[in-house]
PDB file of N, CA and C in Angstrom:
ATOM      1  N   MET A   1      15.436 -24.883 -65.975  1.00  0.00           N
ATOM      2  CA  MET A   1      14.205 -25.619 -65.600  1.00  0.00           C
ATOM      3  C   MET A   1      13.275 -25.415 -64.981  1.00  0.00           C
ATOM      4  N   PRO A   2      11.864 -25.292 -64.593  1.00  0.00           N
ATOM      5  CA  PRO A   2      11.488 -24.841 -63.922  1.00  0.00           C
ATOM      6  C   PRO A   2      11.222 -25.733 -62.755  1.00  0.00           C
ATOM      7  N   ASN A   3      10.961 -25.341 -61.263  1.00  0.00           N
ATOM      8  CA  ASN A   3      10.687 -26.365 -60.330  1.00  0.00           C
ATOM      9  C   ASN A   3       9.245 -26.779 -60.266  1.00  0.00           C
ATOM     10  N   SER A   4       9.128 -27.985 -60.572  1.00  0.00           N
ATOM     11  CA  SER A   4       8.051 -28.833 -60.679  1.00  0.00           C
ATOM     12  C   SER A   4       7.306 -29.463 -59.008  1.00  0.00           C
ATOM     13  N   ALA A   5       8.076 -29.074 -58.238  1.00  0.00           N
ATOM     14  CA  ALA A   5       7.396 -29.694 -56.807  1.00  0.00           C
ATOM     15  C   ALA A   5       6.861 -28.597 -56.346  1.00  0.00           C
ATOM     16  N   TRP A   6       7.186 -27.267 -56.875  1.00  0.00           N
ATOM     17  CA  TRP A   6       6.170 -26.256 -56.111  1.00  0.00           C
ATOM     18  C   TRP A   6       5.263 -25.188 -57.555  1.00  0.00           C
ATOM     19  N   PRO A   7       4.099 -25.409 -57.143  1.00  0.00           N
ATOM     20  CA  PRO A   7       3.165 -24.805 -58.181  1.00  0.00           C
ATOM     21  C   PRO A   7       3.060 -23.371 -58.146  1.00  0.00           C
ATOM     22  N   LYS A   8       2.544 -23.058 -59.422  1.00  0.00           N
ATOM     23  CA  LYS A   8       2.672 -21.717 -59.601  1.00  0.00           C
ATOM     24  C   LYS A   8       1.653 -20.741 -58.645  1.00  0.00           C
ATOM     25  N   LYS A   9       0.374 -21.232 -58.334  1.00  0.00           N
ATOM     26  CA  LYS A   9      -0.453 -20.694 -57.611  1.00  0.00           C
ATOM     27  C   LYS A   9      -0.173 -21.346 -56.374  1.00  0.00           C
ATOM     28  N   PHE A  10      -0.986 -20.713 -55.271  1.00  0.00           N
ATOM     29  CA  PHE A  10      -0.860 -21.109 -54.079  1.00  0.00           C
ATOM     30  C   PHE A  10      -2.492 -21.695 -54.080  1.00  0.00           C
ATOM     31  N   ASN A  11      -2.021 -23.216 -53.395  1.00  0.00           N
ATOM     32  CA  ASN A  11      -3.670 -24.073 -53.313  1.00  0.00           C
ATOM     33  C   ASN A  11      -4.289 -23.071 -52.094  1.00  0.00           C
ATOM     34  N   GLN A  12      -5.673 -23.122 -52.409  1.00  0.00           N
ATOM     35  CA  GLN A  12      -6.372 -22.672 -51.225  1.00  0.00           C
ATOM     36  C   GLN A  12      -6.095 -23.510 -50.058  1.00  0.00           C
ATOM     37  N   LEU A  13      -6.404 -24.289 -49.614  1.00  0.00           N
ATOM     38  CA  LEU A  13      -6.212 -25.225 -48.764  1.00  0.00           C
ATOM     39  C   LEU A  13      -5.130 -24.701 -48.300  1.00  0.00           C
ATOM     40  N   ASP A  14      -3.652 -24.695 -48.826  1.00  0.00           N
ATOM     41  CA  ASP A  14      -2.652 -24.381 -48.030  1.00  0.00           C
ATOM     42  C   ASP A  14      -2.399 -22.864 -47.766  1.00  0.00           C
ATOM     43  N   PHE A  15      -3.237 -22.180 -48.185  1.00  0.00           N
ATOM     44  CA  PHE A  15      -3.650 -20.710 -47.450  1.00  0.00           C
ATOM     45  C   PHE A  15      -4.124 -20.956 -46.201  1.00  0.00           C
ATOM     46  N   LEU A  16      -5.269 -21.705 -46.425  1.00  0.00           N
ATOM     47  CA  LEU A  16      -6.121 -21.546 -44.944  1.00  0.00           C
ATOM     48  C   LEU A  16      -5.121 -21.894 -44.075  1.00  0.00           C
ATOM     49  N   ILE A  17      -4.329 -23.469 -44.068  1.00  0.00           N
ATOM     50  CA  ILE A  17      -3.737 -24.153 -43.305  1.00  0.00           C
ATOM     51  C   ILE A  17      -2.888 -22.929 -42.923  1.00  0.00           C
ATOM     52  N   GLY A  18      -2.291 -22.296 -44.020  1.00  0.00           N
ATOM     53  CA  GLY A  18      -1.231 -21.229 -42.847  1.00  0.00           C
ATOM     54  C   GLY A  18      -1.731 -20.100 -42.653  1.00  0.00           C
ATOM     55  N   LEU A  19      -2.870 -19.846 -42.578  1.00  0.00           N
ATOM     56  CA  LEU A  19      -3.408 -18.872 -42.303  1.00  0.00           C
ATOM     57  C   LEU A  19      -4.349 -19.312 -40.896  1.00  0.00           C
ATOM     58  N   VAL A  20      -4.952 -20.455 -40.631  1.00  0.00           N
ATOM     59  CA  VAL A  20      -4.957 -20.827 -39.398  1.00  0.00           C
ATOM     60  C   VAL A  20      -3.627 -21.486 -38.296  1.00  0.00           C
ATOM     61  N   THR A  21      -2.752 -21.717 -38.839  1.00  0.00           N
ATOM     62  CA  THR A  21      -1.412 -21.835 -37.963  1.00  0.00           C
ATOM     63  C   THR A  21      -1.261 -20.580 -37.735  1.00  0.00           C
ATOM     64  N   GLY A  22      -0.857 -19.357 -38.479  1.00  0.00           N
ATOM     65  CA  GLY A  22      -0.162 -18.354 -37.931  1.00  0.00           C
ATOM     66  C   GLY A  22      -1.291 -18.338 -36.713  1.00  0.00           C
ATOM     67  N   LEU A  23      -2.621 -17.808 -37.108  1.00  0.00           N
ATOM     68  CA  LEU A  23      -3.533 -17.282 -36.334  1.00  0.00           C
ATOM     69  C   LEU A  23      -3.231 -18.080 -34.757  1.00  0.00           C
ATOM     70  N   VAL A  24      -3.174 -19.292 -34.829  1.00  0.00           N
ATOM     71  CA  VAL A  24      -3.302 -19.971 -33.765  1.00  0.00           C
ATOM     72  C   VAL A  24      -1.619 -19.914 -32.815  1.00  0.00           C
ATOM     73  N   VAL A  25      -0.594 -19.229 -33.680  1.00  0.00           N
ATOM     74  CA  VAL A  25       0.398 -18.747 -33.161  1.00  0.00           C
ATOM     75  C   VAL A  25       0.144 -17.702 -32.430  1.00  0.00           C
ATOM     76  N   VAL A  26      -0.574 -16.267 -33.190  1.00  0.00           N
ATOM     77  CA  VAL A  26      -0.550 -15.027 -31.982  1.00  0.00           C
ATOM     78  C   VAL A  26      -1.706 -15.405 -31.351  1.00  0.00           C
ATOM     79  N   LEU A  27      -2.488 -16.134 -31.275  1.00  0.00           N
ATOM     80  CA  LEU A  27      -3.555 -16.121 -30.439  1.00  0.00           C
ATOM     81  C   LEU A  27      -2.744 -16.949 -28.958  1.00  0.00           C
ATOM     82  N   ALA A  28      -1.449 -17.499 -29.156  1.00  0.00           N
ATOM     83  CA  ALA A  28      -0.917 -18.233 -28.283  1.00  0.00           C
ATOM     84  C   ALA A  28      -0.039 -17.325 -27.654  1.00  0.00           C
ATOM     85  N   LEU A  29       0.916 -16.490 -28.344  1.00  0.00           N
ATOM     86  CA  LEU A  29       1.401 -15.576 -27.843  1.00  0.00           C
ATOM     87  C   LEU A  29       0.516 -14.765 -26.856  1.00  0.00           C
ATOM     88  N   ALA A  30      -0.695 -14.163 -27.269  1.00  0.00           N
ATOM     89  CA  ALA A  30      -1.478 -13.169 -26.387  1.00  0.00           C
ATOM     90  C   ALA A  30      -1.666 -13.971 -25.230  1.00  0.00           C
ATOM     91  N   ASN A  31      -1.990 -15.123 -25.403  1.00  0.00           N
ATOM     92  CA  ASN A  31      -2.766 -15.585 -24.410  1.00  0.00           C
ATOM     93  C   ASN A  31      -1.353 -16.196 -23.249  1.00  0.00           C
ATOM     94  N   LEU A  32      -0.311 -16.275 -23.572  1.00  0.00           N
ATOM     95  CA  LEU A  32       0.704 -15.926 -22.967  1.00  0.00           C
ATOM     96  C   LEU A  32       1.125 -15.112 -22.174  1.00  0.00           C
ATOM     97  N   ILE A  33       0.884 -13.983 -23.188  1.00  0.00           N
ATOM     98  CA  ILE A  33       1.521 -12.658 -22.198  1.00  0.00           C
ATOM     99  C   ILE A  33      -0.028 -11.778 -21.533  1.00  0.00           C
ATOM    100  N   GLY A  34      -0.801 -12.296 -21.643  1.00  0.00           N
ATOM    101  CA  GLY A  34      -1.953 -12.126 -20.714  1.00  0.00           C
ATOM    102  C   GLY A  34      -1.996 -12.729 -19.097  1.00  0.00           C
ATOM    103  N   THR A  35      -1.822 -14.273 -19.184  1.00  0.00           N
ATOM    104  CA  THR A  35      -1.194 -14.674 -18.384  1.00  0.00           C
ATOM    105  C   THR A  35      -0.215 -14.212 -17.662  1.00  0.00           C
ATOM    106  N   ASN A  36       0.916 -13.946 -18.111  1.00  0.00           N
ATOM    107  CA  ASN A  36       1.925 -13.466 -17.540  1.00  0.00           C
ATOM    108  C   ASN A  36       1.583 -12.257 -16.800  1.00  0.00           C
ATOM    109  N   ALA A  37       0.863 -11.486 -17.562  1.00  0.00           N
ATOM    110  CA  ALA A  37       0.978 -10.125 -17.027  1.00  0.00           C
ATOM    111  C   ALA A  37      -0.324 -10.315 -15.712  1.00  0.00           C
ATOM    112  N   LEU A  38      -1.060 -11.053 -15.948  1.00  0.00           N
ATOM    113  CA  LEU A  38      -2.452 -11.336 -14.759  1.00  0.00           C
ATOM    114  C   LEU A  38      -1.543 -12.143 -13.053  1.00  0.00           C
ATOM    115  N   ALA A  39      -0.534 -12.726 -13.865  1.00  0.00           N
ATOM    116  CA  ALA A  39       0.202 -13.225 -12.043  1.00  0.00           C
ATOM    117  C   ALA A  39       1.386 -12.410 -11.986  1.00  0.00           C
ATOM    118  N   THR A  40       1.737 -11.336 -13.081  1.00  0.00           N
ATOM    119  CA  THR A  40       2.767 -10.080 -12.288  1.00  0.00           C
ATOM    120  C   THR A  40       2.301  -9.466 -11.383  1.00  0.00           C
ATOM    121  N   GLN A  41       0.370  -9.255 -11.563  1.00  0.00           N
ATOM    122  CA  GLN A  41      -0.273  -8.564 -10.882  1.00  0.00           C
ATOM    123  C   GLN A  41      -0.865  -8.955  -9.669  1.00  0.00           C
ATOM    124  N   GLY A  42      -0.874 -10.325  -9.589  1.00  0.00           N
ATOM    125  CA  GLY A  42      -1.338 -11.038  -8.434  1.00  0.00           C
ATOM    126  C   GLY A  42      -0.389 -11.195  -7.162  1.00  0.00           C
ATOM    127  N   VAL A  43       1.129 -11.065  -8.242  1.00  0.00           N
ATOM    128  CA  VAL A  43       2.088 -11.003  -6.819  1.00  0.00           C
ATOM    129  C   VAL A  43       2.313  -9.251  -6.397  1.00  0.00           C
ATOM    130  N   VAL A  44       2.249  -8.640  -6.926  1.00  0.00           N
ATOM    131  CA  VAL A  44       1.961  -7.668  -6.839  1.00  0.00           C
ATOM    132  C   VAL A  44       0.835  -6.780  -5.624  1.00  0.00           C
ATOM    133  N   LEU A  45      -0.148  -7.534  -6.084  1.00  0.00           N
ATOM    134  CA  LEU A  45      -1.464  -7.247  -4.976  1.00  0.00           C
ATOM    135  C   LEU A  45      -1.075  -8.293  -3.973  1.00  0.00           C
ATOM    136  N   ASP A  46      -0.293  -9.355  -4.199  1.00  0.00           N
ATOM    137  CA  ASP A  46      -0.153  -9.850  -2.385  1.00  0.00           C
ATOM    138  C   ASP A  46       0.828  -9.238  -1.877  1.00  0.00           C
ATOM    139  N   GLN A  47       1.786  -8.618  -2.124  1.00  0.00           N
ATOM    140  CA  GLN A  47       2.678  -7.950  -1.468  1.00  0.00           C
ATOM    141  C   GLN A  47       2.094  -6.718  -1.403  1.00  0.00           C
ATOM    142  N   VAL A  48       0.877  -6.019  -1.598  1.00  0.00           N
ATOM    143  CA  VAL A  48       0.038  -4.997  -1.024  1.00  0.00           C
ATOM    144  C   VAL A  48      -0.446  -4.952   0.373  1.00  0.00           C
ATOM    145  N   LEU A  49      -1.126  -6.726  -0.619  1.00  0.00           N
ATOM    146  CA  LEU A  49      -1.849  -7.024   1.255  1.00  0.00           C
ATOM    147  C   LEU A  49      -1.126  -7.040   2.309  1.00  0.00           C
ATOM    148  N   GLY A  50       0.102  -8.101   2.298  1.00  0.00           N
ATOM    149  CA  GLY A  50       0.831  -7.956   3.353  1.00  0.00           C
ATOM    150  C   GLY A  50       1.318  -6.537   3.675  1.00  0.00           C
ATOM    151  N   GLN A  51       1.890  -5.451   2.941  1.00  0.00           N
ATOM    152  CA  GLN A  51       1.919  -4.416   3.776  1.00  0.00           C
ATOM    153  C   GLN A  51       0.679  -3.654   4.312  1.00  0.00           C
ATOM    154  N   THR A  52      -0.638  -3.937   4.169  1.00  0.00           N
ATOM    155  CA  THR A  52      -1.542  -3.609   4.687  1.00  0.00           C
ATOM    156  C   THR A  52      -1.946  -3.943   5.772  1.00  0.00           C
ATOM    157  N   GLU A  53      -1.874  -5.196   6.095  1.00  0.00           N
ATOM    158  CA  GLU A  53      -1.574  -6.246   7.393  1.00  0.00           C
ATOM    159  C   GLU A  53      -1.006  -5.446   8.226  1.00  0.00           C
ATOM    160  N   LYS A  54       0.543  -5.419   7.506  1.00  0.00           N
ATOM    161  CA  LYS A  54       2.098  -4.992   8.527  1.00  0.00           C
ATOM    162  C   LYS A  54       1.320  -3.561   9.293  1.00  0.00           C
ATOM    163  N   ILE A  55       0.660  -2.628   8.365  1.00  0.00           N
ATOM    164  CA  ILE A  55       0.662  -1.170   8.668  1.00  0.00           C
ATOM    165  C   ILE A  55      -0.086  -1.303   9.511  1.00  0.00           C
ATOM    166  N   ASN A  56      -1.454  -2.378   9.737  1.00  0.00           N
ATOM    167  CA  ASN A  56      -2.424  -1.993  10.286  1.00  0.00           C
ATOM    168  C   ASN A  56      -1.809  -3.007  11.875  1.00  0.00           C
ATOM    169  N   LYS A  57      -1.308  -3.719  11.542  1.00  0.00           N
ATOM    170  CA  LYS A  57      -0.845  -4.148  12.763  1.00  0.00           C
ATOM    171  C   LYS A  57      -0.046  -2.756  13.996  1.00  0.00           C
ATOM    172  N   GLU A  58       0.963  -1.640  12.659  1.00  0.00           N
ATOM    173  CA  GLU A  58       1.556  -1.113  13.610  1.00  0.00           C
ATOM    174  C   GLU A  58       0.456  -0.047  14.365  1.00  0.00           C
ATOM    175  N   ASN A  59      -0.223   0.287  13.657  1.00  0.00           N
ATOM    176  CA  ASN A  59      -1.514   1.336  13.975  1.00  0.00           C
ATOM    177  C   ASN A  59      -1.807   0.890  15.532  1.00  0.00           C
ATOM    178  N   GLN A  60      -2.335  -0.384  15.414  1.00  0.00           N
ATOM    179  CA  GLN A  60      -3.056  -0.927  16.611  1.00  0.00           C
ATOM    180  C   GLN A  60      -1.696  -0.668  17.481  1.00  0.00           C
ATOM    181  N   ILE A  61      -0.857  -0.836  17.528  1.00  0.00           N
ATOM    182  CA  ILE A  61       0.374  -0.765  18.577  1.00  0.00           C
ATOM    183  C   ILE A  61       0.427   0.414  19.342  1.00  0.00           C
ATOM    184  N   MET A  62       0.086   1.403  18.223  1.00  0.00           N
ATOM    185  CA  MET A  62       0.757   2.963  17.729  1.00  0.00           C
ATOM    186  C   MET A  62      -0.670   3.564  18.819  1.00  0.00           C
ATOM    187  N   THR A  63      -2.014   2.916  18.528  1.00  0.00           N
ATOM    188  CA  THR A  63      -3.243   3.356  19.362  1.00  0.00           C
ATOM    189  C   THR A  63      -3.170   2.817  20.844  1.00  0.00           C
ATOM    190  N   VAL A  64      -2.376   1.567  21.108  1.00  0.00           N
ATOM    191  CA  VAL A  64      -2.486   1.832  22.350  1.00  0.00           C
ATOM    192  C   VAL A  64      -1.935   2.283  22.710  1.00  0.00           C
ATOM    193  N   GLU A  65      -0.115   3.029  22.533  1.00  0.00           N
ATOM    194  CA  GLU A  65       0.802   3.285  23.022  1.00  0.00           C
ATOM    195  C   GLU A  65      -0.038   4.841  23.205  1.00  0.00           C
ATOM    196  N   ILE A  66      -0.456   5.050  22.394  1.00  0.00           N
ATOM    197  CA  ILE A  66      -1.189   6.861  22.625  1.00  0.00           C
ATOM    198  C   ILE A  66      -2.476   6.620  23.845  1.00  0.00           C
ATOM    199  N   GLY A  67      -3.016   5.521  23.791  1.00  0.00           N
ATOM    200  CA  GLY A  67      -3.766   5.147  25.075  1.00  0.00           C
ATOM    201  C   GLY A  67      -3.227   5.288  26.486  1.00  0.00           C
ATOM    202  N   LYS A  68      -1.891   4.706  26.323  1.00  0.00           N
ATOM    203  CA  LYS A  68      -1.005   4.903  27.603  1.00  0.00           C
ATOM    204  C   LYS A  68      -0.669   6.329  28.165  1.00  0.00           C
ATOM    205  N   LYS A  69      -0.049   6.645  26.683  1.00  0.00           N
ATOM    206  CA  LYS A  69       0.272   8.512  27.210  1.00  0.00           C
ATOM    207  C   LYS A  69      -0.696   9.325  27.490  1.00  0.00           C
ATOM    208  N   ALA A  70      -1.879   8.855  26.780  1.00  0.00           N
ATOM    209  CA  ALA A  70      -2.500  10.051  27.681  1.00  0.00           C
ATOM    210  C   ALA A  70      -3.520   9.826  29.083  1.00  0.00           C
ATOM    211  N   ASN A  71      -3.164   8.536  29.080  1.00  0.00           N
ATOM    212  CA  ASN A  71      -3.853   8.392  30.837  1.00  0.00           C
ATOM    213  C   ASN A  71      -3.425   9.220  31.773  1.00  0.00           C
ATOM    214  N   LEU A  72      -3.746   9.919  32.389  1.00  0.00           N
ATOM    215  CA  LEU A  72      -3.864  10.995  33.487  1.00  0.00           C
ATOM    216  C   LEU A  72      -2.418  10.390  34.664  1.00  0.00           C
ATOM    217  N   SER A  73      -2.849   9.482  34.811  1.00  0.00           N
ATOM    218  CA  SER A  73      -1.609   8.776  35.697  1.00  0.00           C
ATOM    219  C   SER A  73      -0.589   8.583  35.272  1.00  0.00           C
ATOM    220  N   TYR A  74      -0.254   8.415  33.876  1.00  0.00           N
ATOM    221  CA  TYR A  74       1.093   8.399  33.276  1.00  0.00           C
ATOM    222  C   TYR A  74       1.659   9.248  33.236  1.00  0.00           C
ATOM    223  N   ILE A  75       0.599  10.650  32.816  1.00  0.00           N
ATOM    224  CA  ILE A  75       1.192  12.424  32.704  1.00  0.00           C
ATOM    225  C   ILE A  75       1.729  12.577  34.032  1.00  0.00           C
ATOM    226  N   GLN A  76       0.902  12.228  35.234  1.00  0.00           N
ATOM    227  CA  GLN A  76       1.617  12.576  36.576  1.00  0.00           C
ATOM    228  C   GLN A  76       2.690  11.576  36.917  1.00  0.00           C
ATOM    229  N   SER A  77       3.050  10.384  36.823  1.00  0.00           N
ATOM    230  CA  SER A  77       4.043   9.981  37.153  1.00  0.00           C
ATOM    231  C   SER A  77       5.248  10.636  35.881  1.00  0.00           C
ATOM    232  N   ALA A  78       5.536  10.690  34.653  1.00  0.00           N
ATOM    233  CA  ALA A  78       6.143  11.499  33.852  1.00  0.00           C
ATOM    234  C   ALA A  78       6.578  12.408  34.254  1.00  0.00           C
ATOM    235  N   ALA A  79       5.540  13.840  34.866  1.00  0.00           N
ATOM    236  CA  ALA A  79       5.870  14.652  35.412  1.00  0.00           C
ATOM    237  C   ALA A  79       6.401  14.680  36.540  1.00  0.00           C
ATOM    238  N   THR A  80       6.475  13.833  37.545  1.00  0.00           N
ATOM    239  CA  THR A  80       7.202  13.734  38.949  1.00  0.00           C
ATOM    240  C   THR A  80       8.539  13.163  38.359  1.00  0.00           C
ATOM    241  N   ASP A  81       8.790  12.110  37.559  1.00  0.00           N
ATOM    242  CA  ASP A  81      10.421  11.822  36.865  1.00  0.00           C
ATOM    243  C   ASP A  81      10.990  13.051  36.232  1.00  0.00           C
ATOM    244  N   LEU A  82       9.998  13.933  35.576  1.00  0.00           N
ATOM    245  CA  LEU A  82      10.795  15.023  35.229  1.00  0.00           C
ATOM    246  C   LEU A  82      11.258  16.193  36.536  1.00  0.00           C
ATOM    247  N   GLY A  83      10.713  15.969  37.348  1.00  0.00           N
ATOM    248  CA  GLY A  83      11.001  16.840  38.609  1.00  0.00           C
ATOM    249  C   GLY A  83       9.815  18.096  38.722  1.00  0.00           C
ATOM    250  N   PHE A  84       8.913  17.969  38.384  1.00  0.00           N
ATOM    251  CA  PHE A  84       7.391  18.785  38.639  1.00  0.00           C
ATOM    252  C   PHE A  84       6.779  18.202  40.195  1.00  0.00           C
ATOM    253  N   VAL A  85       6.605  18.970  40.763  1.00  0.00           N
ATOM    254  CA  VAL A  85       6.040  18.789  42.127  1.00  0.00           C
ATOM    255  C   VAL A  85       4.529  18.881  42.177  1.00  0.00           C
ATOM    256  N   ARG A  86       3.725  18.468  43.031  1.00  0.00           N
ATOM    257  CA  ARG A  86       2.345  18.688  43.196  1.00  0.00           C
ATOM    258  C   ARG A  86       2.082  19.908  44.133  1.00  0.00           C
ATOM    259  N   VAL A  87       1.253  20.989  43.580  1.00  0.00           N
ATOM    260  CA  VAL A  87       0.660  21.726  44.114  1.00  0.00           C
ATOM    261  C   VAL A  87       0.098  21.483  45.533  1.00  0.00           C
ATOM    262  N   ARG A  88       0.337  22.914  46.749  1.00  0.00           N
ATOM    263  CA  ARG A  88      -0.471  22.135  47.451  1.00  0.00           C
ATOM    264  C   ARG A  88      -1.846  23.011  47.622  1.00  0.00           C
ATOM    265  N   THR A  89      -1.189  24.371  47.109  1.00  0.00           N
ATOM    266  CA  THR A  89      -2.184  25.112  47.268  1.00  0.00           C
ATOM    267  C   THR A  89      -2.577  25.833  45.622  1.00  0.00           C
ATOM    268  N   ASN A  90      -4.003  26.221  46.116  1.00  0.00           N
ATOM    269  CA  ASN A  90      -3.996  27.039  44.247  1.00  0.00           C
ATOM    270  C   ASN A  90      -3.976  28.300  44.626  1.00  0.00           C
ATOM    271  N   LEU A  91      -3.221  29.312  43.846  1.00  0.00           N
ATOM    272  CA  LEU A  91      -2.782  30.447  43.646  1.00  0.00           C
ATOM    273  C   LEU A  91      -3.903  30.760  42.722  1.00  0.00           C
ATOM    274  N   ILE A  92      -4.708  32.048  43.773  1.00  0.00           N
ATOM    275  CA  ILE A  92      -5.582  32.455  43.002  1.00  0.00           C
ATOM    276  C   ILE A  92      -5.507  34.158  42.576  1.00  0.00           C
ATOM    277  N   ILE A  93      -5.118  34.693  41.779  1.00  0.00           N
ATOM    278  CA  ILE A  93      -4.938  36.268  41.568  1.00  0.00           C
ATOM    279  C   ILE A  93      -5.999  36.757  41.048  1.00  0.00           C
ATOM    280  N   SER A  94      -6.391  38.227  41.984  1.00  0.00           N
ATOM    281  CA  SER A  94      -7.539  38.630  41.497  1.00  0.00           C
ATOM    282  C   SER A  94      -7.761  39.869  39.920  1.00  0.00           C
ATOM    283  N   ALA A  95      -8.620  39.620  39.813  1.00  0.00           N
ATOM    284  CA  ALA A  95      -8.539  40.756  38.597  1.00  0.00           C
ATOM    285  C   ALA A  95      -8.033  41.852  38.693  1.00  0.00           C
ATOM    286  N   ASP A  96      -8.288  42.680  39.718  1.00  0.00           N
ATOM    287  CA  ASP A  96      -7.448  43.779  40.334  1.00  0.00           C
ATOM    288  C   ASP A  96      -6.063  43.877  40.075  1.00  0.00           C
ATOM    289  N   GLU A  97      -5.695  42.724  40.628  1.00  0.00           N
ATOM    290  CA  GLU A  97      -4.194  42.661  40.421  1.00  0.00           C
ATOM    291  C   GLU A  97      -3.494  42.325  39.361  1.00  0.00           C
ATOM    292  N   ALA A  98      -4.155  41.354  38.510  1.00  0.00           N
ATOM    293  CA  ALA A  98      -3.665  40.957  36.994  1.00  0.00           C
ATOM    294  C   ALA A  98      -4.115  42.005  36.178  1.00  0.00           C
ATOM    295  N   LEU A  99      -4.702  43.188  36.218  1.00  0.00           N
ATOM    296  CA  LEU A  99      -5.093  44.480  35.305  1.00  0.00           C
ATOM    297  C   LEU A  99      -4.108  45.406  35.601  1.00  0.00           C
ATOM    298  N   ALA A 100      -3.632  45.581  37.563  1.00  0.00           N
ATOM    299  CA  ALA A 100      -2.718  46.150  37.883  1.00  0.00           C
ATOM    300  C   ALA A 100      -1.423  45.779  36.833  1.00  0.00           C
ATOM    301  N   ALA A 101      -1.181  44.599  36.949  1.00  0.00           N
ATOM    302  CA  ALA A 101       0.654  44.147  36.399  1.00  0.00           C
ATOM    303  C   ALA A 101       0.362  44.430  34.726  1.00  0.00           C
ATOM    304  N   VAL A 102      -0.539  44.249  34.024  1.00  0.00           N
ATOM    305  CA  VAL A 102      -0.822  44.777  32.753  1.00  0.00           C
ATOM    306  C   VAL A 102      -0.326  46.155  32.456  1.00  0.00           C
ATOM    307  N   ARG A 103      -0.619  47.042  33.479  1.00  0.00           N
ATOM    308  CA  ARG A 103      -0.119  48.677  33.520  1.00  0.00           C
ATOM    309  C   ARG A 103       0.996  48.905  33.502  1.00  0.00           C
TER     310      ARG A 103
END
């Protein structure tokens, strides 16, 4: 006994409704995947910006430290702390003496 509730041929309207429903589901999934990817990229970008700010602050601190340690008075005090003493007179070696030491 054939099932009389189902027609043997698909009705064109039923086919279009199924096609549109399937297309809506596929587009909804594509939108969901795209939105998720965009949100993930936003989080990563925020982390990169945070790291950039941290590195810029460290760079500023190091620039100040380099400036302090390149100062001549700092170098002089560091040398004094290490036991170096300031020379009272300059030692001048003539060219003849320097040449004699080489020979």
